[in-house]
Amino acid sequence: MALKLLFWELEKHLKSSSGASVVAIDNKIEQAMDLVKSHLMYAVREEVEVLKEQIKELIERNTQLEQENNLLKNLASPEQMAQFQAQTETGGSPNGTAPPPAGTTQVLPSTQSSSASA
């Protein structure tokens, strides 16, 4: 009888401590998830700031290129503009040569003697 009582007490103790340890484990999991969430939010905020800066730089570069494009259009002769339009429609490059590398400016023949610069 005493042995049966001992097992009953031990079982009762294990069940109660098991319930407490489950709660403790749940709390630890919740804390870990909160920590992961805060780290992810921080990383996302940093990435957003980097992307905002890149967008700002790209907008500035686009504006600069649009201004340069408008200047070149204004300095080009009607014949050069017609030739350019024909080339863009056929997908060709000027004078059968390869297009200039990215980031460089191609000077049209009528603008070489001009003193205007971008």
PDB file of N, CA and C in Angstrom:
ATOM      1  N   MET A   1       0.813  -1.179   0.000  1.00  0.00           N
ATOM      2  CA  MET A   1       0.000   0.000   0.000  1.00  0.00           C
ATOM      3  C   MET A   1       0.860   1.247   0.000  1.00  0.00           C
ATOM      4  N   ALA A   2       1.926   1.260   0.780  1.00  0.00           N
ATOM      5  CA  ALA A   2       2.828   2.408   0.851  1.00  0.00           C
ATOM      6  C   ALA A   2       3.517   2.607  -0.491  1.00  0.00           C
ATOM      7  N   LEU A   3       3.859   1.502  -1.127  1.00  0.00           N
ATOM      8  CA  LEU A   3       4.498   1.590  -2.442  1.00  0.00           C
ATOM      9  C   LEU A   3       3.541   2.185  -3.463  1.00  0.00           C
ATOM     10  N   LYS A   4       2.293   1.797  -3.407  1.00  0.00           N
ATOM     11  CA  LYS A   4       1.287   2.328  -4.315  1.00  0.00           C
ATOM     12  C   LYS A   4       1.114   3.821  -4.073  1.00  0.00           C
ATOM     13  N   LEU A   5       1.111   4.238  -2.838  1.00  0.00           N
ATOM     14  CA  LEU A   5       0.999   5.655  -2.494  1.00  0.00           C
ATOM     15  C   LEU A   5       2.216   6.421  -2.988  1.00  0.00           C
ATOM     16  N   LEU A   6       3.388   5.818  -2.849  1.00  0.00           N
ATOM     17  CA  LEU A   6       4.626   6.448  -3.319  1.00  0.00           C
ATOM     18  C   LEU A   6       4.579   6.647  -4.823  1.00  0.00           C
ATOM     19  N   PHE A   7       4.147   5.634  -5.566  1.00  0.00           N
ATOM     20  CA  PHE A   7       4.036   5.772  -7.017  1.00  0.00           C
ATOM     21  C   PHE A   7       3.006   6.840  -7.396  1.00  0.00           C
ATOM     22  N   TRP A   8       1.905   6.867  -6.665  1.00  0.00           N
ATOM     23  CA  TRP A   8       0.873   7.873  -6.936  1.00  0.00           C
ATOM     24  C   TRP A   8       1.425   9.277  -6.703  1.00  0.00           C
ATOM     25  N   GLU A   9       2.166   9.486  -5.609  1.00  0.00           N
ATOM     26  CA  GLU A   9       2.773  10.795  -5.310  1.00  0.00           C
ATOM     27  C   GLU A   9       3.815  11.156  -6.376  1.00  0.00           C
ATOM     28  N   LEU A  10       4.616  10.180  -6.762  1.00  0.00           N
ATOM     29  CA  LEU A  10       5.643  10.420  -7.782  1.00  0.00           C
ATOM     30  C   LEU A  10       4.996  10.774  -9.115  1.00  0.00           C
ATOM     31  N   GLU A  11       3.944  10.047  -9.488  1.00  0.00           N
ATOM     32  CA  GLU A  11       3.238  10.336 -10.732  1.00  0.00           C
ATOM     33  C   GLU A  11       2.625  11.737 -10.685  1.00  0.00           C
ATOM     34  N   LYS A  12       2.037  12.090  -9.569  1.00  0.00           N
ATOM     35  CA  LYS A  12       1.445  13.417  -9.405  1.00  0.00           C
ATOM     36  C   LYS A  12       2.511  14.500  -9.531  1.00  0.00           C
ATOM     37  N   HIS A  13       3.652  14.277  -8.921  1.00  0.00           N
ATOM     38  CA  HIS A  13       4.758  15.249  -8.980  1.00  0.00           C
ATOM     39  C   HIS A  13       5.286  15.389 -10.416  1.00  0.00           C
ATOM     40  N   LEU A  14       5.465  14.263 -11.098  1.00  0.00           N
ATOM     41  CA  LEU A  14       5.962  14.302 -12.468  1.00  0.00           C
ATOM     42  C   LEU A  14       4.984  15.027 -13.393  1.00  0.00           C
ATOM     43  N   LYS A  15       3.694  14.786 -13.213  1.00  0.00           N
ATOM     44  CA  LYS A  15       2.706  15.458 -14.046  1.00  0.00           C
ATOM     45  C   LYS A  15       2.707  16.958 -13.804  1.00  0.00           C
ATOM     46  N   SER A  16       2.813  17.359 -12.559  1.00  0.00           N
ATOM     47  CA  SER A  16       2.807  18.794 -12.269  1.00  0.00           C
ATOM     48  C   SER A  16       4.091  19.456 -12.733  1.00  0.00           C
ATOM     49  N   SER A  17       5.225  18.808 -12.545  1.00  0.00           N
ATOM     50  CA  SER A  17       6.482  19.414 -13.007  1.00  0.00           C
ATOM     51  C   SER A  17       6.574  19.362 -14.514  1.00  0.00           C
ATOM     52  N   SER A  18       5.980  18.351 -15.126  1.00  0.00           N
ATOM     53  CA  SER A  18       5.954  18.269 -16.577  1.00  0.00           C
ATOM     54  C   SER A  18       5.150  19.422 -17.155  1.00  0.00           C
ATOM     55  N   GLY A  19       4.028  19.736 -16.554  1.00  0.00           N
ATOM     56  CA  GLY A  19       3.226  20.870 -16.986  1.00  0.00           C
ATOM     57  C   GLY A  19       3.993  22.168 -16.845  1.00  0.00           C
ATOM     58  N   ALA A  20       4.724  22.321 -15.762  1.00  0.00           N
ATOM     59  CA  ALA A  20       5.519  23.536 -15.554  1.00  0.00           C
ATOM     60  C   ALA A  20       6.646  23.616 -16.570  1.00  0.00           C
ATOM     61  N   SER A  21       7.268  22.477 -16.887  1.00  0.00           N
ATOM     62  CA  SER A  21       8.375  22.522 -17.844  1.00  0.00           C
ATOM     63  C   SER A  21       7.864  22.794 -19.255  1.00  0.00           C
ATOM     64  N   VAL A  22       6.658  22.336 -19.568  1.00  0.00           N
ATOM     65  CA  VAL A  22       6.067  22.635 -20.874  1.00  0.00           C
ATOM     66  C   VAL A  22       5.833  24.129 -20.990  1.00  0.00           C
ATOM     67  N   VAL A  23       5.329  24.745 -19.944  1.00  0.00           N
ATOM     68  CA  VAL A  23       5.114  26.187 -19.942  1.00  0.00           C
ATOM     69  C   VAL A  23       6.449  26.914 -20.076  1.00  0.00           C
ATOM     70  N   ALA A  24       7.468  26.440 -19.352  1.00  0.00           N
ATOM     71  CA  ALA A  24       8.785  27.068 -19.442  1.00  0.00           C
ATOM     72  C   ALA A  24       9.356  26.944 -20.849  1.00  0.00           C
ATOM     73  N   ILE A  25       9.183  25.773 -21.447  1.00  0.00           N
ATOM     74  CA  ILE A  25       9.679  25.574 -22.813  1.00  0.00           C
ATOM     75  C   ILE A  25       8.910  26.475 -23.779  1.00  0.00           C
ATOM     76  N   ASP A  26       7.602  26.567 -23.611  1.00  0.00           N
ATOM     77  CA  ASP A  26       6.802  27.461 -24.459  1.00  0.00           C
ATOM     78  C   ASP A  26       7.269  28.905 -24.325  1.00  0.00           C
ATOM     79  N   ASN A  27       7.575  29.318 -23.107  1.00  0.00           N
ATOM     80  CA  ASN A  27       8.069  30.685 -22.890  1.00  0.00           C
ATOM     81  C   ASN A  27       9.404  30.904 -23.580  1.00  0.00           C
ATOM     82  N   LYS A  28      10.286  29.904 -23.497  1.00  0.00           N
ATOM     83  CA  LYS A  28      11.598  30.019 -24.152  1.00  0.00           C
ATOM     84  C   LYS A  28      11.435  30.090 -25.669  1.00  0.00           C
ATOM     85  N   ILE A  29      10.534  29.289 -26.204  1.00  0.00           N
ATOM     86  CA  ILE A  29      10.285  29.313 -27.650  1.00  0.00           C
ATOM     87  C   ILE A  29       9.737  30.672 -28.056  1.00  0.00           C
ATOM     88  N   GLU A  30       8.814  31.201 -27.288  1.00  0.00           N
ATOM     89  CA  GLU A  30       8.241  32.514 -27.596  1.00  0.00           C
ATOM     90  C   GLU A  30       9.310  33.605 -27.534  1.00  0.00           C
ATOM     91  N   GLN A  31      10.183  33.534 -26.535  1.00  0.00           N
ATOM     92  CA  GLN A  31      11.275  34.509 -26.427  1.00  0.00           C
ATOM     93  C   GLN A  31      12.214  34.406 -27.623  1.00  0.00           C
ATOM     94  N   ALA A  32      12.529  33.178 -28.027  1.00  0.00           N
ATOM     95  CA  ALA A  32      13.416  32.973 -29.174  1.00  0.00           C
ATOM     96  C   ALA A  32      12.773  33.505 -30.448  1.00  0.00           C
ATOM     97  N   MET A  33      11.478  33.275 -30.616  1.00  0.00           N
ATOM     98  CA  MET A  33      10.781  33.779 -31.798  1.00  0.00           C
ATOM     99  C   MET A  33      10.747  35.306 -31.806  1.00  0.00           C
ATOM    100  N   ASP A  34      10.549  35.913 -30.640  1.00  0.00           N
ATOM    101  CA  ASP A  34      10.579  37.373 -30.549  1.00  0.00           C
ATOM    102  C   ASP A  34      11.953  37.914 -30.914  1.00  0.00           C
ATOM    103  N   LEU A  35      13.002  37.221 -30.466  1.00  0.00           N
ATOM    104  CA  LEU A  35      14.367  37.643 -30.785  1.00  0.00           C
ATOM    105  C   LEU A  35      14.628  37.541 -32.288  1.00  0.00           C
ATOM    106  N   VAL A  36      14.200  36.445 -32.894  1.00  0.00           N
ATOM    107  CA  VAL A  36      14.362  36.269 -34.343  1.00  0.00           C
ATOM    108  C   VAL A  36      13.593  37.360 -35.083  1.00  0.00           C
ATOM    109  N   LYS A  37      12.381  37.631 -34.630  1.00  0.00           N
ATOM    110  CA  LYS A  37      11.558  38.659 -35.266  1.00  0.00           C
ATOM    111  C   LYS A  37      12.239  40.024 -35.194  1.00  0.00           C
ATOM    112  N   SER A  38      12.776  40.373 -34.031  1.00  0.00           N
ATOM    113  CA  SER A  38      13.429  41.685 -33.901  1.00  0.00           C
ATOM    114  C   SER A  38      14.680  41.764 -34.771  1.00  0.00           C
ATOM    115  N   HIS A  39      15.439  40.677 -34.866  1.00  0.00           N
ATOM    116  CA  HIS A  39      16.625  40.680 -35.732  1.00  0.00           C
ATOM    117  C   HIS A  39      16.221  40.812 -37.203  1.00  0.00           C
ATOM    118  N   LEU A  40      15.183  40.113 -37.598  1.00  0.00           N
ATOM    119  CA  LEU A  40      14.712  40.207 -38.985  1.00  0.00           C
ATOM    120  C   LEU A  40      14.214  41.613 -39.295  1.00  0.00           C
ATOM    121  N   MET A  41      13.477  42.203 -38.383  1.00  0.00           N
ATOM    122  CA  MET A  41      12.970  43.560 -38.602  1.00  0.00           C
ATOM    123  C   MET A  41      14.126  44.546 -38.731  1.00  0.00           C
ATOM    124  N   TYR A  42      15.154  44.376 -37.913  1.00  0.00           N
ATOM    125  CA  TYR A  42      16.324  45.242 -37.994  1.00  0.00           C
ATOM    126  C   TYR A  42      17.010  45.087 -39.353  1.00  0.00           C
ATOM    127  N   ALA A  43      17.189  43.833 -39.782  1.00  0.00           N
ATOM    128  CA  ALA A  43      17.842  43.578 -41.070  1.00  0.00           C
ATOM    129  C   ALA A  43      17.011  44.152 -42.219  1.00  0.00           C
ATOM    130  N   VAL A  44      15.700  44.014 -42.143  1.00  0.00           N
ATOM    131  CA  VAL A  44      14.824  44.543 -43.189  1.00  0.00           C
ATOM    132  C   VAL A  44      14.913  46.070 -43.224  1.00  0.00           C
ATOM    133  N   ARG A  45      14.911  46.702 -42.053  1.00  0.00           N
ATOM    134  CA  ARG A  45      15.022  48.166 -42.009  1.00  0.00           C
ATOM    135  C   ARG A  45      16.333  48.640 -42.632  1.00  0.00           C
ATOM    136  N   GLU A  46      17.423  47.937 -42.320  1.00  0.00           N
ATOM    137  CA  GLU A  46      18.711  48.298 -42.921  1.00  0.00           C
ATOM    138  C   GLU A  46      18.665  48.170 -44.438  1.00  0.00           C
ATOM    139  N   GLU A  47      18.101  47.066 -44.920  1.00  0.00           N
ATOM    140  CA  GLU A  47      18.011  46.838 -46.363  1.00  0.00           C
ATOM    141  C   GLU A  47      17.138  47.892 -47.029  1.00  0.00           C
ATOM    142  N   VAL A  48      16.067  48.281 -46.380  1.00  0.00           N
ATOM    143  CA  VAL A  48      15.193  49.325 -46.920  1.00  0.00           C
ATOM    144  C   VAL A  48      15.967  50.634 -47.055  1.00  0.00           C
ATOM    145  N   GLU A  49      16.777  50.974 -46.065  1.00  0.00           N
ATOM    146  CA  GLU A  49      17.567  52.208 -46.129  1.00  0.00           C
ATOM    147  C   GLU A  49      18.572  52.155 -47.282  1.00  0.00           C
ATOM    148  N   VAL A  50      19.211  51.014 -47.463  1.00  0.00           N
ATOM    149  CA  VAL A  50      20.169  50.853 -48.564  1.00  0.00           C
ATOM    150  C   VAL A  50      19.445  51.009 -49.904  1.00  0.00           C
ATOM    151  N   LEU A  51      18.290  50.371 -50.030  1.00  0.00           N
ATOM    152  CA  LEU A  51      17.536  50.450 -51.286  1.00  0.00           C
ATOM    153  C   LEU A  51      17.022  51.861 -51.541  1.00  0.00           C
ATOM    154  N   LYS A  52      16.605  52.571 -50.496  1.00  0.00           N
ATOM    155  CA  LYS A  52      16.169  53.958 -50.668  1.00  0.00           C
ATOM    156  C   LYS A  52      17.315  54.814 -51.192  1.00  0.00           C
ATOM    157  N   GLU A  53      18.510  54.603 -50.676  1.00  0.00           N
ATOM    158  CA  GLU A  53      19.677  55.365 -51.128  1.00  0.00           C
ATOM    159  C   GLU A  53      19.994  55.031 -52.590  1.00  0.00           C
ATOM    160  N   GLN A  54      19.912  53.757 -52.947  1.00  0.00           N
ATOM    161  CA  GLN A  54      20.155  53.360 -54.337  1.00  0.00           C
ATOM    162  C   GLN A  54      19.114  53.976 -55.268  1.00  0.00           C
ATOM    163  N   ILE A  55      17.864  53.997 -54.845  1.00  0.00           N
ATOM    164  CA  ILE A  55      16.810  54.605 -55.657  1.00  0.00           C
ATOM    165  C   ILE A  55      17.088  56.085 -55.847  1.00  0.00           C
ATOM    166  N   LYS A  56      17.498  56.751 -54.784  1.00  0.00           N
ATOM    167  CA  LYS A  56      17.813  58.175 -54.863  1.00  0.00           C
ATOM    168  C   LYS A  56      18.946  58.420 -55.867  1.00  0.00           C
ATOM    169  N   GLU A  57      19.998  57.609 -55.786  1.00  0.00           N
ATOM    170  CA  GLU A  57      21.122  57.752 -56.720  1.00  0.00           C
ATOM    171  C   GLU A  57      20.683  57.481 -58.157  1.00  0.00           C
ATOM    172  N   LEU A  58      19.846  56.470 -58.357  1.00  0.00           N
ATOM    173  CA  LEU A  58      19.372  56.153 -59.704  1.00  0.00           C
ATOM    174  C   LEU A  58      18.489  57.261 -60.263  1.00  0.00           C
ATOM    175  N   ILE A  59      17.673  57.861 -59.427  1.00  0.00           N
ATOM    176  CA  ILE A  59      16.831  58.971 -59.885  1.00  0.00           C
ATOM    177  C   ILE A  59      17.709  60.145 -60.300  1.00  0.00           C
ATOM    178  N   GLU A  60      18.742  60.433 -59.504  1.00  0.00           N
ATOM    179  CA  GLU A  60      19.665  61.523 -59.849  1.00  0.00           C
ATOM    180  C   GLU A  60      20.386  61.231 -61.162  1.00  0.00           C
ATOM    181  N   ARG A  61      20.831  59.995 -61.325  1.00  0.00           N
ATOM    182  CA  ARG A  61      21.537  59.601 -62.555  1.00  0.00           C
ATOM    183  C   ARG A  61      20.595  59.683 -63.757  1.00  0.00           C
ATOM    184  N   ASN A  62      19.361  59.247 -63.578  1.00  0.00           N
ATOM    185  CA  ASN A  62      18.371  59.304 -64.653  1.00  0.00           C
ATOM    186  C   ASN A  62      18.113  60.751 -65.066  1.00  0.00           C
ATOM    187  N   THR A  63      17.976  61.630 -64.086  1.00  0.00           N
ATOM    188  CA  THR A  63      17.749  63.043 -64.380  1.00  0.00           C
ATOM    189  C   THR A  63      18.921  63.618 -65.165  1.00  0.00           C
ATOM    190  N   GLN A  64      20.134  63.266 -64.742  1.00  0.00           N
ATOM    191  CA  GLN A  64      21.332  63.740 -65.431  1.00  0.00           C
ATOM    192  C   GLN A  64      21.361  63.241 -66.874  1.00  0.00           C
ATOM    193  N   LEU A  65      21.037  61.976 -67.077  1.00  0.00           N
ATOM    194  CA  LEU A  65      21.044  61.415 -68.433  1.00  0.00           C
ATOM    195  C   LEU A  65      19.947  62.017 -69.299  1.00  0.00           C
ATOM    196  N   GLU A  66      18.789  62.302 -68.699  1.00  0.00           N
ATOM    197  CA  GLU A  66      17.719  62.951 -69.460  1.00  0.00           C
ATOM    198  C   GLU A  66      18.138  64.343 -69.913  1.00  0.00           C
ATOM    199  N   GLN A  67      18.817  65.068 -69.038  1.00  0.00           N
ATOM    200  CA  GLN A  67      19.291  66.406 -69.404  1.00  0.00           C
ATOM    201  C   GLN A  67      20.335  66.320 -70.510  1.00  0.00           C
ATOM    202  N   GLU A  68      21.232  65.359 -70.389  1.00  0.00           N
ATOM    203  CA  GLU A  68      22.257  65.171 -71.420  1.00  0.00           C
ATOM    204  C   GLU A  68      21.606  64.778 -72.745  1.00  0.00           C
ATOM    205  N   ASN A  69      20.623  63.907 -72.683  1.00  0.00           N
ATOM    206  CA  ASN A  69      19.914  63.472 -73.880  1.00  0.00           C
ATOM    207  C   ASN A  69      19.225  64.657 -74.559  1.00  0.00           C
ATOM    208  N   ASN A  70      18.558  65.483 -73.772  1.00  0.00           N
ATOM    209  CA  ASN A  70      17.887  66.664 -74.335  1.00  0.00           C
ATOM    210  C   ASN A  70      18.889  67.625 -74.967  1.00  0.00           C
ATOM    211  N   LEU A  71      20.029  67.802 -74.336  1.00  0.00           N
ATOM    212  CA  LEU A  71      21.063  68.682 -74.896  1.00  0.00           C
ATOM    213  C   LEU A  71      21.548  68.131 -76.232  1.00  0.00           C
ATOM    214  N   LEU A  72      21.821  66.832 -76.278  1.00  0.00           N
ATOM    215  CA  LEU A  72      22.298  66.230 -77.518  1.00  0.00           C
ATOM    216  C   LEU A  72      21.241  66.297 -78.621  1.00  0.00           C
ATOM    217  N   LYS A  73      19.985  66.132 -78.245  1.00  0.00           N
ATOM    218  CA  LYS A  73      18.911  66.250 -79.240  1.00  0.00           C
ATOM    219  C   LYS A  73      18.862  67.665 -79.810  1.00  0.00           C
ATOM    220  N   ASN A  74      19.037  68.647 -78.950  1.00  0.00           N
ATOM    221  CA  ASN A  74      18.987  70.041 -79.400  1.00  0.00           C
ATOM    222  C   ASN A  74      20.177  70.401 -80.283  1.00  0.00           C
ATOM    223  N   LEU A  75      21.314  69.760 -80.050  1.00  0.00           N
ATOM    224  CA  LEU A  75      22.515  70.080 -80.819  1.00  0.00           C
ATOM    225  C   LEU A  75      22.603  69.277 -82.121  1.00  0.00           C
ATOM    226  N   ALA A  76      21.818  68.212 -82.224  1.00  0.00           N
ATOM    227  CA  ALA A  76      21.895  67.367 -83.422  1.00  0.00           C
ATOM    228  C   ALA A  76      21.122  68.017 -84.573  1.00  0.00           C
ATOM    229  N   SER A  77      21.637  67.793 -85.767  1.00  0.00           N
ATOM    230  CA  SER A  77      20.966  68.315 -86.959  1.00  0.00           C
ATOM    231  C   SER A  77      19.756  67.428 -87.272  1.00  0.00           C
ATOM    232  N   PRO A  78      18.816  67.961 -88.052  1.00  0.00           N
ATOM    233  CA  PRO A  78      17.649  67.134 -88.428  1.00  0.00           C
ATOM    234  C   PRO A  78      18.053  65.854 -89.154  1.00  0.00           C
ATOM    235  N   GLU A  79      19.126  65.937 -89.964  1.00  0.00           N
ATOM    236  CA  GLU A  79      19.578  64.736 -90.677  1.00  0.00           C
ATOM    237  C   GLU A  79      20.082  63.683 -89.679  1.00  0.00           C
ATOM    238  N   GLN A  80      20.837  64.141 -88.679  1.00  0.00           N
ATOM    239  CA  GLN A  80      21.347  63.203 -87.680  1.00  0.00           C
ATOM    240  C   GLN A  80      20.198  62.578 -86.881  1.00  0.00           C
ATOM    241  N   MET A  81      19.192  63.378 -86.565  1.00  0.00           N
ATOM    242  CA  MET A  81      18.048  62.857 -85.820  1.00  0.00           C
ATOM    243  C   MET A  81      17.290  61.824 -86.659  1.00  0.00           C
ATOM    244  N   ALA A  82      17.141  62.095 -87.956  1.00  0.00           N
ATOM    245  CA  ALA A  82      16.457  61.154 -88.843  1.00  0.00           C
ATOM    246  C   ALA A  82      17.254  59.854 -88.935  1.00  0.00           C
ATOM    247  N   GLN A  83      18.583  59.984 -89.050  1.00  0.00           N
ATOM    248  CA  GLN A  83      19.434  58.803 -89.116  1.00  0.00           C
ATOM    249  C   GLN A  83      19.326  58.005 -87.813  1.00  0.00           C
ATOM    250  N   PHE A  84      19.337  58.705 -86.714  1.00  0.00           N
ATOM    251  CA  PHE A  84      19.224  58.035 -85.413  1.00  0.00           C
ATOM    252  C   PHE A  84      17.884  57.307 -85.285  1.00  0.00           C
ATOM    253  N   GLN A  85      16.802  57.981 -85.687  1.00  0.00           N
ATOM    254  CA  GLN A  85      15.482  57.356 -85.629  1.00  0.00           C
ATOM    255  C   GLN A  85      15.438  56.089 -86.482  1.00  0.00           C
ATOM    256  N   ALA A  86      16.035  56.169 -87.679  1.00  0.00           N
ATOM    257  CA  ALA A  86      16.040  55.001 -88.564  1.00  0.00           C
ATOM    258  C   ALA A  86      16.830  53.854 -87.938  1.00  0.00           C
ATOM    259  N   GLN A  87      17.940  54.177 -87.305  1.00  0.00           N
ATOM    260  CA  GLN A  87      18.760  53.144 -86.674  1.00  0.00           C
ATOM    261  C   GLN A  87      18.056  52.511 -85.487  1.00  0.00           C
ATOM    262  N   THR A  88      17.368  53.321 -84.701  1.00  0.00           N
ATOM    263  CA  THR A  88      16.673  52.754 -83.541  1.00  0.00           C
ATOM    264  C   THR A  88      15.508  51.871 -83.968  1.00  0.00           C
ATOM    265  N   GLU A  89      14.874  52.217 -85.089  1.00  0.00           N
ATOM    266  CA  GLU A  89      13.766  51.402 -85.575  1.00  0.00           C
ATOM    267  C   GLU A  89      14.254  50.070 -86.111  1.00  0.00           C
ATOM    268  N   THR A  90      15.445  50.041 -86.718  1.00  0.00           N
ATOM    269  CA  THR A  90      15.986  48.796 -87.270  1.00  0.00           C
ATOM    270  C   THR A  90      16.873  48.072 -86.271  1.00  0.00           C
ATOM    271  N   GLY A  91      17.170  48.715 -85.143  1.00  0.00           N
ATOM    272  CA  GLY A  91      18.019  48.078 -84.137  1.00  0.00           C
ATOM    273  C   GLY A  91      19.486  48.150 -84.464  1.00  0.00           C
ATOM    274  N   GLY A  92      19.881  48.956 -85.440  1.00  0.00           N
ATOM    275  CA  GLY A  92      21.284  49.098 -85.824  1.00  0.00           C
ATOM    276  C   GLY A  92      22.010  50.075 -84.930  1.00  0.00           C
ATOM    277  N   SER A  93      23.326  50.147 -85.134  1.00  0.00           N
ATOM    278  CA  SER A  93      24.125  51.109 -84.382  1.00  0.00           C
ATOM    279  C   SER A  93      24.656  52.161 -85.349  1.00  0.00           C
ATOM    280  N   PRO A  94      25.027  53.330 -84.864  1.00  0.00           N
ATOM    281  CA  PRO A  94      25.499  54.399 -85.753  1.00  0.00           C
ATOM    282  C   PRO A  94      26.717  53.977 -86.560  1.00  0.00           C
ATOM    283  N   ASN A  95      26.701  54.266 -87.840  1.00  0.00           N
ATOM    284  CA  ASN A  95      27.827  54.012 -88.745  1.00  0.00           C
ATOM    285  C   ASN A  95      28.274  52.556 -88.753  1.00  0.00           C
ATOM    286  N   GLY A  96      27.412  51.647 -88.349  1.00  0.00           N
ATOM    287  CA  GLY A  96      27.751  50.225 -88.374  1.00  0.00           C
ATOM    288  C   GLY A  96      28.741  49.828 -87.308  1.00  0.00           C
ATOM    289  N   THR A  97      28.999  50.688 -86.338  1.00  0.00           N
ATOM    290  CA  THR A  97      29.948  50.354 -85.273  1.00  0.00           C
ATOM    291  C   THR A  97      29.179  49.934 -84.034  1.00  0.00           C
ATOM    292  N   ALA A  98      29.894  49.355 -83.097  1.00  0.00           N
ATOM    293  CA  ALA A  98      29.272  48.926 -81.847  1.00  0.00           C
ATOM    294  C   ALA A  98      28.908  50.142 -81.008  1.00  0.00           C
ATOM    295  N   PRO A  99      27.872  50.045 -80.210  1.00  0.00           N
ATOM    296  CA  PRO A  99      27.503  51.177 -79.359  1.00  0.00           C
ATOM    297  C   PRO A  99      28.583  51.436 -78.313  1.00  0.00           C
ATOM    298  N   PRO A 100      28.679  52.673 -77.815  1.00  0.00           N
ATOM    299  CA  PRO A 100      29.709  52.964 -76.818  1.00  0.00           C
ATOM    300  C   PRO A 100      29.411  52.207 -75.532  1.00  0.00           C
ATOM    301  N   PRO A 101      30.455  51.922 -74.742  1.00  0.00           N
ATOM    302  CA  PRO A 101      30.249  51.209 -73.482  1.00  0.00           C
ATOM    303  C   PRO A 101      29.353  52.008 -72.545  1.00  0.00           C
ATOM    304  N   ALA A 102      28.677  51.323 -71.639  1.00  0.00           N
ATOM    305  CA  ALA A 102      27.788  51.988 -70.685  1.00  0.00           C
ATOM    306  C   ALA A 102      28.578  52.993 -69.864  1.00  0.00           C
ATOM    307  N   GLY A 103      27.978  54.136 -69.593  1.00  0.00           N
ATOM    308  CA  GLY A 103      28.627  55.162 -68.797  1.00  0.00           C
ATOM    309  C   GLY A 103      29.444  56.141 -69.611  1.00  0.00           C
ATOM    310  N   THR A 104      29.525  55.946 -70.939  1.00  0.00           N
ATOM    311  CA  THR A 104      30.278  56.876 -71.779  1.00  0.00           C
ATOM    312  C   THR A 104      29.298  57.658 -72.641  1.00  0.00           C
ATOM    313  N   THR A 105      29.753  58.767 -73.131  1.00  0.00           N
ATOM    314  CA  THR A 105      28.915  59.612 -73.969  1.00  0.00           C
ATOM    315  C   THR A 105      29.465  59.603 -75.378  1.00  0.00           C
ATOM    316  N   GLN A 106      28.586  59.372 -76.356  1.00  0.00           N
ATOM    317  CA  GLN A 106      28.994  59.414 -77.741  1.00  0.00           C
ATOM    318  C   GLN A 106      28.780  60.835 -78.246  1.00  0.00           C
ATOM    319  N   VAL A 107      29.818  61.408 -78.836  1.00  0.00           N
ATOM    320  CA  VAL A 107      29.731  62.769 -79.347  1.00  0.00           C
ATOM    321  C   VAL A 107      29.339  62.703 -80.811  1.00  0.00           C
ATOM    322  N   LEU A 108      28.281  63.410 -81.153  1.00  0.00           N
ATOM    323  CA  LEU A 108      27.843  63.455 -82.539  1.00  0.00           C
ATOM    324  C   LEU A 108      28.753  64.383 -83.326  1.00  0.00           C
ATOM    325  N   PRO A 109      28.955  64.129 -84.616  1.00  0.00           N
ATOM    326  CA  PRO A 109      29.906  64.927 -85.412  1.00  0.00           C
ATOM    327  C   PRO A 109      29.597  66.426 -85.370  1.00  0.00           C
ATOM    328  N   SER A 110      28.355  66.844 -85.383  1.00  0.00           N
ATOM    329  CA  SER A 110      28.065  68.283 -85.421  1.00  0.00           C
ATOM    330  C   SER A 110      28.344  68.932 -84.066  1.00  0.00           C
ATOM    331  N   THR A 111      28.471  68.166 -83.011  1.00  0.00           N
ATOM    332  CA  THR A 111      28.701  68.759 -81.694  1.00  0.00           C
ATOM    333  C   THR A 111      30.180  68.845 -81.362  1.00  0.00           C
ATOM    334  N   GLN A 112      31.024  68.187 -82.138  1.00  0.00           N
ATOM    335  CA  GLN A 112      32.448  68.204 -81.824  1.00  0.00           C
ATOM    336  C   GLN A 112      33.032  69.593 -81.943  1.00  0.00           C
ATOM    337  N   SER A 113      32.582  70.385 -82.888  1.00  0.00           N
ATOM    338  CA  SER A 113      33.132  71.735 -83.047  1.00  0.00           C
ATOM    339  C   SER A 113      32.413  72.745 -82.172  1.00  0.00           C
ATOM    340  N   SER A 114      31.317  72.307 -81.530  1.00  0.00           N
ATOM    341  CA  SER A 114      30.546  73.196 -80.686  1.00  0.00           C
ATOM    342  C   SER A 114      31.271  73.424 -79.363  1.00  0.00           C
ATOM    343  N   SER A 115      31.100  74.609 -78.795  1.00  0.00           N
ATOM    344  CA  SER A 115      31.762  74.894 -77.538  1.00  0.00           C
ATOM    345  C   SER A 115      30.851  74.549 -76.366  1.00  0.00           C
ATOM    346  N   ALA A 116      29.605  74.120 -76.620  1.00  0.00           N
ATOM    347  CA  ALA A 116      28.690  73.754 -75.533  1.00  0.00           C
ATOM    348  C   ALA A 116      29.083  72.402 -74.976  1.00  0.00           C
ATOM    349  N   SER A 117      28.997  72.265 -73.666  1.00  0.00           N
ATOM    350  CA  SER A 117      29.302  70.979 -73.044  1.00  0.00           C
ATOM    351  C   SER A 117      28.286  70.715 -71.950  1.00  0.00           C
ATOM    352  N   ALA A 118      28.090  69.439 -71.642  1.00  0.00           N
ATOM    353  CA  ALA A 118      27.093  69.038 -70.638  1.00  0.00           C
ATOM    354  C   ALA A 118      27.697  69.062 -69.257  1.00  0.00           C
TER     355      ALA A 118
END
